[in-house]
């Protein structure tokens, strides 16, 4: 029973995480905390252990989805590596700060974070997109989608690294993979096409989850039986999410991202206040 429930959670987390580029931690972490405190299905877990398990699972979610997105050539590897330079140390620091959070504070802060990201996406249409032109210190690229439409996007590497540090910190702190912040940032600030933002985010999630996991493992924050039960579902779920992603319109992807962030964010805020 326990194994089936965890496989199902892994499948759902992998699918949604890969579909909208969040990594799956926003499903795994609250699910483990809820099942441990409100049911007898699994043992009660601390926020630190829930996050530790989530970071291990996201290695497999990130790898599985990245391999799938590679076939469609929508992963910007250079951008992903630049983001990783900032996210790696941020994730390590976030993992250590996580030690000082209790369940209620964890849920409240995590929920507020999710809702804020959704609100940013809601006003995206009113924001003036950045115009990128080749010049000193800028990386400018073009992307042609399957319909032949060409769009430009770009970023300043130093700015990207600094932002990725904040993303990595939130990833290590909340066990969310960083995609919940990086995808909106790539779409809003760097003008990435949504499909490429999601695919590149999952590549970064894969890399950053490795360093985050090492930190959490060293701190003893991983329940290995639960992690092994979650991995199969997360692996195949990530492939399913990537498959669906390549067949959706960009606006559909953004709308799904908003809905997921708001629902989970409000749920966590409620848990943090009433807990």
Protein backbone atom coordinates (compact mmCIF):
# COMPACT_ATOMS: atom_id res chain seq x y z
CA UNK A 1 0.00 0.00 0.00
CA UNK A 2 2.73 2.44 1.02
CA UNK A 3 4.77 1.60 -2.08
CA UNK A 4 1.78 2.13 -4.42
CA UNK A 5 0.94 5.49 -2.85
CA UNK A 6 4.52 6.71 -3.16
CA UNK A 7 4.81 5.51 -6.75
CA UNK A 8 1.62 7.43 -7.52
CA UNK A 9 2.98 10.58 -5.88
CA UNK A 10 6.19 10.18 -7.86
CA UNK A 11 4.26 9.78 -11.09
CA UNK A 12 2.15 12.88 -10.43
CA UNK A 13 5.15 14.94 -9.32
CA UNK A 14 7.26 13.88 -12.28
CA UNK A 15 4.48 14.60 -14.76
CA UNK A 16 3.56 18.05 -13.46
CA UNK A 17 7.15 18.98 -12.70
CA UNK A 18 8.36 18.10 -16.17
CA UNK A 19 5.31 19.60 -17.86
CA UNK A 20 5.74 23.10 -16.43
CA UNK A 21 9.43 22.95 -15.47
CA UNK A 22 9.08 22.93 -11.69
CA UNK A 23 11.00 19.76 -10.97
CA UNK A 24 8.21 18.08 -8.98
CA UNK A 25 9.25 19.15 -5.49
CA UNK A 26 6.11 21.24 -5.04
CA UNK A 27 4.14 17.97 -5.17
CA UNK A 28 6.49 15.65 -3.28
CA UNK A 29 7.28 17.86 -0.27
CA UNK A 30 3.71 18.81 0.76
CA UNK A 31 2.46 15.29 -0.06
CA UNK A 32 5.00 13.64 2.24
CA UNK A 33 4.30 16.14 5.02
CA UNK A 34 0.51 15.69 4.69
CA UNK A 35 0.62 11.87 4.57
CA UNK A 36 2.96 11.77 7.55
CA UNK A 37 0.95 14.10 9.78
CA UNK A 38 -2.66 13.46 8.70
CA UNK A 39 -2.70 9.74 7.81
CA UNK A 40 -1.18 6.44 8.91
CA UNK A 41 0.08 5.58 5.40
CA UNK A 42 3.67 6.67 6.04
CA UNK A 43 5.69 7.67 9.08
CA UNK A 44 5.68 11.33 10.05
CA UNK A 45 8.58 13.17 8.44
CA UNK A 46 10.25 16.42 9.38
CA UNK A 47 10.36 19.19 6.74
CA UNK A 48 14.10 18.58 6.47
CA UNK A 49 13.65 14.91 5.56
CA UNK A 50 10.79 15.68 3.15
CA UNK A 51 13.02 18.17 1.36
CA UNK A 52 15.95 15.75 1.39
CA UNK A 53 13.87 13.01 -0.24
CA UNK A 54 12.53 15.50 -2.78
CA UNK A 55 15.99 16.63 -3.87
CA UNK A 56 17.08 13.04 -4.50
CA UNK A 57 13.95 12.36 -6.57
CA UNK A 58 14.51 15.46 -8.67
CA UNK A 59 17.81 14.08 -9.92
CA UNK A 60 15.83 11.40 -11.71
CA UNK A 61 12.98 13.73 -12.71
CA UNK A 62 15.45 16.22 -14.16
CA UNK A 63 17.47 13.58 -16.01
CA UNK A 64 14.43 11.81 -17.42
CA UNK A 65 12.76 14.98 -18.68
CA UNK A 66 16.01 16.42 -20.04
CA UNK A 67 16.63 13.29 -22.10
CA UNK A 68 13.10 13.61 -23.48
CA UNK A 69 13.46 17.33 -24.29
CA UNK A 70 16.82 16.71 -25.98
CA UNK A 71 15.01 14.90 -28.77
CA UNK A 72 13.04 18.06 -29.56
CA UNK A 73 16.13 20.33 -29.37
CA UNK A 74 14.57 22.80 -26.94
CA UNK A 75 17.25 22.71 -24.22
CA UNK A 76 19.66 25.67 -24.07
CA UNK A 77 22.64 23.90 -22.50
CA UNK A 78 24.84 27.00 -22.24
CA UNK A 79 22.15 28.94 -20.39
CA UNK A 80 21.49 25.95 -18.14
CA UNK A 81 25.17 25.70 -17.19
CA UNK A 82 25.40 29.45 -16.52
CA UNK A 83 22.33 29.27 -14.27
CA UNK A 84 23.86 26.26 -12.51
CA UNK A 85 26.98 28.27 -11.59
CA UNK A 86 24.74 30.41 -9.40
CA UNK A 87 22.23 27.80 -8.28
CA UNK A 88 24.77 25.26 -6.98
CA UNK A 89 26.19 27.36 -4.09
CA UNK A 90 22.75 28.83 -3.43
CA UNK A 91 21.30 25.36 -3.03
CA UNK A 92 23.97 24.31 -0.54
CA UNK A 93 23.35 27.39 1.62
CA UNK A 94 19.59 26.90 1.40
CA UNK A 95 19.90 23.29 2.57
CA UNK A 96 21.71 24.41 5.72
CA UNK A 97 19.21 27.21 6.44
CA UNK A 98 16.42 24.60 6.10
CA UNK A 99 17.60 23.05 9.38
CA UNK A 100 16.12 25.98 11.31
CA UNK A 101 12.55 25.80 9.96
CA UNK A 102 9.65 24.10 11.77
CA UNK A 103 6.63 22.59 9.97
CA UNK A 104 4.30 25.59 10.32
CA UNK A 105 6.87 28.17 9.27
CA UNK A 106 8.01 25.97 6.41
CA UNK A 107 4.47 25.58 5.03
CA UNK A 108 3.63 29.27 5.42
CA UNK A 109 6.78 30.60 3.72
CA UNK A 110 6.64 27.99 0.99
CA UNK A 111 2.98 28.80 0.26
CA UNK A 112 3.57 32.55 0.09
CA UNK A 113 6.46 31.93 -2.26
CA UNK A 114 4.27 29.87 -4.61
CA UNK A 115 1.45 32.43 -4.72
CA UNK A 116 3.86 35.30 -5.39
CA UNK A 117 5.25 33.46 -8.40
CA UNK A 118 1.73 32.92 -9.72
CA UNK A 119 0.91 36.61 -9.29
CA UNK A 120 4.02 37.57 -11.23
CA UNK A 121 2.88 35.40 -14.11
CA UNK A 122 -0.62 36.88 -13.97
CA UNK A 123 0.71 40.38 -14.67
CA UNK A 124 3.20 39.17 -17.26
CA UNK A 125 1.07 40.44 -20.13
CA UNK A 126 1.24 43.99 -18.75
CA UNK A 127 5.01 44.00 -18.52
CA UNK A 128 7.10 45.32 -21.36
CA UNK A 129 9.44 42.59 -22.59
CA UNK A 130 13.15 43.31 -22.67
CA UNK A 131 14.66 44.00 -26.10
CA UNK A 132 17.94 42.20 -26.65
CA UNK A 133 20.58 43.40 -29.06
CA UNK A 134 24.07 41.98 -29.51
CA UNK A 135 26.61 43.85 -27.42
CA UNK A 136 29.29 43.58 -24.75
CA UNK A 137 28.40 41.15 -22.00
CA UNK A 138 25.14 40.00 -23.57
CA UNK A 139 24.17 36.56 -24.82
CA UNK A 140 21.52 36.85 -27.53
CA UNK A 141 19.93 33.87 -29.28
CA UNK A 142 17.06 33.09 -31.61
CA UNK A 143 14.63 30.21 -31.48
CA UNK A 144 12.46 28.79 -34.25
CA UNK A 145 9.49 26.74 -33.12
CA UNK A 146 7.89 23.86 -34.99
CA UNK A 147 5.57 26.30 -36.78
CA UNK A 148 8.50 28.27 -38.19
CA UNK A 149 8.03 31.29 -35.91
CA UNK A 150 11.33 32.91 -34.89
CA UNK A 151 11.77 34.73 -31.56
CA UNK A 152 14.76 36.27 -29.78
CA UNK A 153 15.80 35.94 -26.16
CA UNK A 154 18.89 36.80 -24.18
CA UNK A 155 20.54 37.49 -20.84
CA UNK A 156 23.53 39.03 -19.12
CA UNK A 157 25.56 36.09 -17.70
CA UNK A 158 26.42 37.87 -14.45
CA UNK A 159 22.81 38.87 -13.83
CA UNK A 160 21.71 35.33 -14.69
CA UNK A 161 24.18 33.86 -12.21
CA UNK A 162 23.04 36.18 -9.41
CA UNK A 163 19.37 35.37 -10.04
CA UNK A 164 20.19 31.66 -10.23
CA UNK A 165 21.84 31.93 -6.81
CA UNK A 166 18.51 33.06 -5.34
CA UNK A 167 16.78 30.25 -7.24
CA UNK A 168 19.26 27.71 -5.90
CA UNK A 169 18.81 29.00 -2.37
CA UNK A 170 15.04 28.52 -2.61
CA UNK A 171 15.61 25.08 -4.09
CA UNK A 172 17.81 23.94 -1.21
CA UNK A 173 15.51 25.58 1.34
CA UNK A 174 12.18 24.26 0.05
CA UNK A 175 13.24 21.21 -2.02
CA UNK A 176 11.39 22.50 -5.09
CA UNK A 177 14.08 22.20 -7.74
CA UNK A 178 14.19 25.94 -8.42
CA UNK A 179 12.01 25.73 -11.50
CA UNK A 180 9.07 27.45 -9.84
CA UNK A 181 11.16 30.62 -9.80
CA UNK A 182 13.50 30.05 -12.75
CA UNK A 183 10.79 29.42 -15.34
CA UNK A 184 8.97 32.71 -14.63
CA UNK A 185 12.31 34.54 -14.55
CA UNK A 186 13.38 33.12 -17.89
CA UNK A 187 10.02 34.01 -19.46
CA UNK A 188 9.66 37.47 -17.89
CA UNK A 189 13.22 38.80 -17.74
CA UNK A 190 15.10 36.88 -20.41
CA UNK A 191 12.18 36.46 -22.82
CA UNK A 192 12.71 32.70 -23.25
CA UNK A 193 10.00 30.94 -25.28
CA UNK A 194 7.90 28.99 -22.70
CA UNK A 195 8.79 25.58 -24.12
CA UNK A 196 12.52 26.35 -24.03
CA UNK A 197 12.23 27.87 -20.55
CA UNK A 198 10.66 24.66 -19.23
CA UNK A 199 13.18 22.37 -20.95
CA UNK A 200 16.20 24.42 -19.87
CA UNK A 201 14.81 24.65 -16.35
CA UNK A 202 14.63 20.87 -16.10
CA UNK A 203 18.26 20.62 -17.24
CA UNK A 204 19.23 23.06 -14.46
CA UNK A 205 17.04 21.15 -11.99
CA UNK A 206 18.96 17.96 -12.81
CA UNK A 207 22.35 19.61 -12.20
CA UNK A 208 21.38 21.54 -9.07
CA UNK A 209 19.58 18.55 -7.54
CA UNK A 210 22.84 16.61 -7.56
CA UNK A 211 24.64 19.20 -5.42
CA UNK A 212 21.59 19.77 -3.21
CA UNK A 213 21.21 16.02 -2.65
CA UNK A 214 24.83 15.63 -1.60
CA UNK A 215 24.29 18.32 1.03
CA UNK A 216 21.06 16.79 2.35
CA UNK A 217 22.57 13.29 2.38
CA UNK A 218 25.51 14.55 4.41
CA UNK A 219 23.03 16.09 6.87
CA UNK A 220 21.14 12.79 7.16
CA UNK A 221 17.98 14.26 5.62
CA UNK A 222 17.03 11.38 3.31
CA UNK A 223 14.60 8.54 4.06
CA UNK A 224 15.96 6.04 1.53
CA UNK A 225 13.04 3.52 1.49
CA UNK A 226 10.62 6.32 0.59
CA UNK A 227 13.05 7.77 -1.94
CA UNK A 228 13.47 4.43 -3.73
CA UNK A 229 9.68 4.00 -3.85
CA UNK A 230 9.21 7.46 -5.40
CA UNK A 231 11.91 7.14 -8.09
CA UNK A 232 10.11 4.82 -10.60
CA UNK A 233 6.98 6.97 -10.72
CA UNK A 234 9.00 10.18 -10.97
CA UNK A 235 11.11 8.80 -13.85
CA UNK A 236 8.18 7.74 -16.02
CA UNK A 237 6.09 10.73 -14.95
CA UNK A 238 8.81 13.08 -16.17
CA UNK A 239 8.75 11.43 -19.59
CA UNK A 240 4.97 11.75 -19.70
CA UNK A 241 5.12 15.43 -18.74
CA UNK A 242 7.73 16.17 -21.41
CA UNK A 243 5.59 14.37 -24.00
CA UNK A 244 2.52 16.46 -23.15
CA UNK A 245 4.57 19.66 -23.03
CA UNK A 246 5.71 19.34 -26.64
CA UNK A 247 2.09 19.16 -27.74
CA UNK A 248 0.72 22.18 -25.87
CA UNK A 249 0.57 25.82 -26.89
CA UNK A 250 2.73 28.32 -24.99
CA UNK A 251 -0.28 30.06 -23.45
CA UNK A 252 -1.62 26.73 -22.21
CA UNK A 253 1.68 26.04 -20.48
CA UNK A 254 1.66 29.40 -18.71
CA UNK A 255 -1.95 28.96 -17.58
CA UNK A 256 -1.19 25.52 -16.15
CA UNK A 257 1.80 26.92 -14.31
CA UNK A 258 -0.33 29.66 -12.70
CA UNK A 259 -3.00 27.19 -11.59
CA UNK A 260 -0.52 24.74 -10.07
CA UNK A 261 1.32 27.47 -8.15
CA UNK A 262 -1.86 29.07 -6.74
CA UNK A 263 -3.55 25.83 -5.63
CA UNK A 264 -0.51 24.41 -3.86
CA UNK A 265 0.50 27.80 -2.46
CA UNK A 266 -2.89 28.43 -0.85
CA UNK A 267 -2.97 24.91 0.53
CA UNK A 268 0.40 25.35 2.18
CA UNK A 269 -0.48 28.77 3.59
CA UNK A 270 -3.59 27.24 5.14
CA UNK A 271 -1.51 24.43 6.67
CA UNK A 272 1.01 26.92 8.02
CA UNK A 273 -1.65 29.10 9.65
CA UNK A 274 -3.84 26.33 11.08
CA UNK A 275 -0.97 24.01 12.01
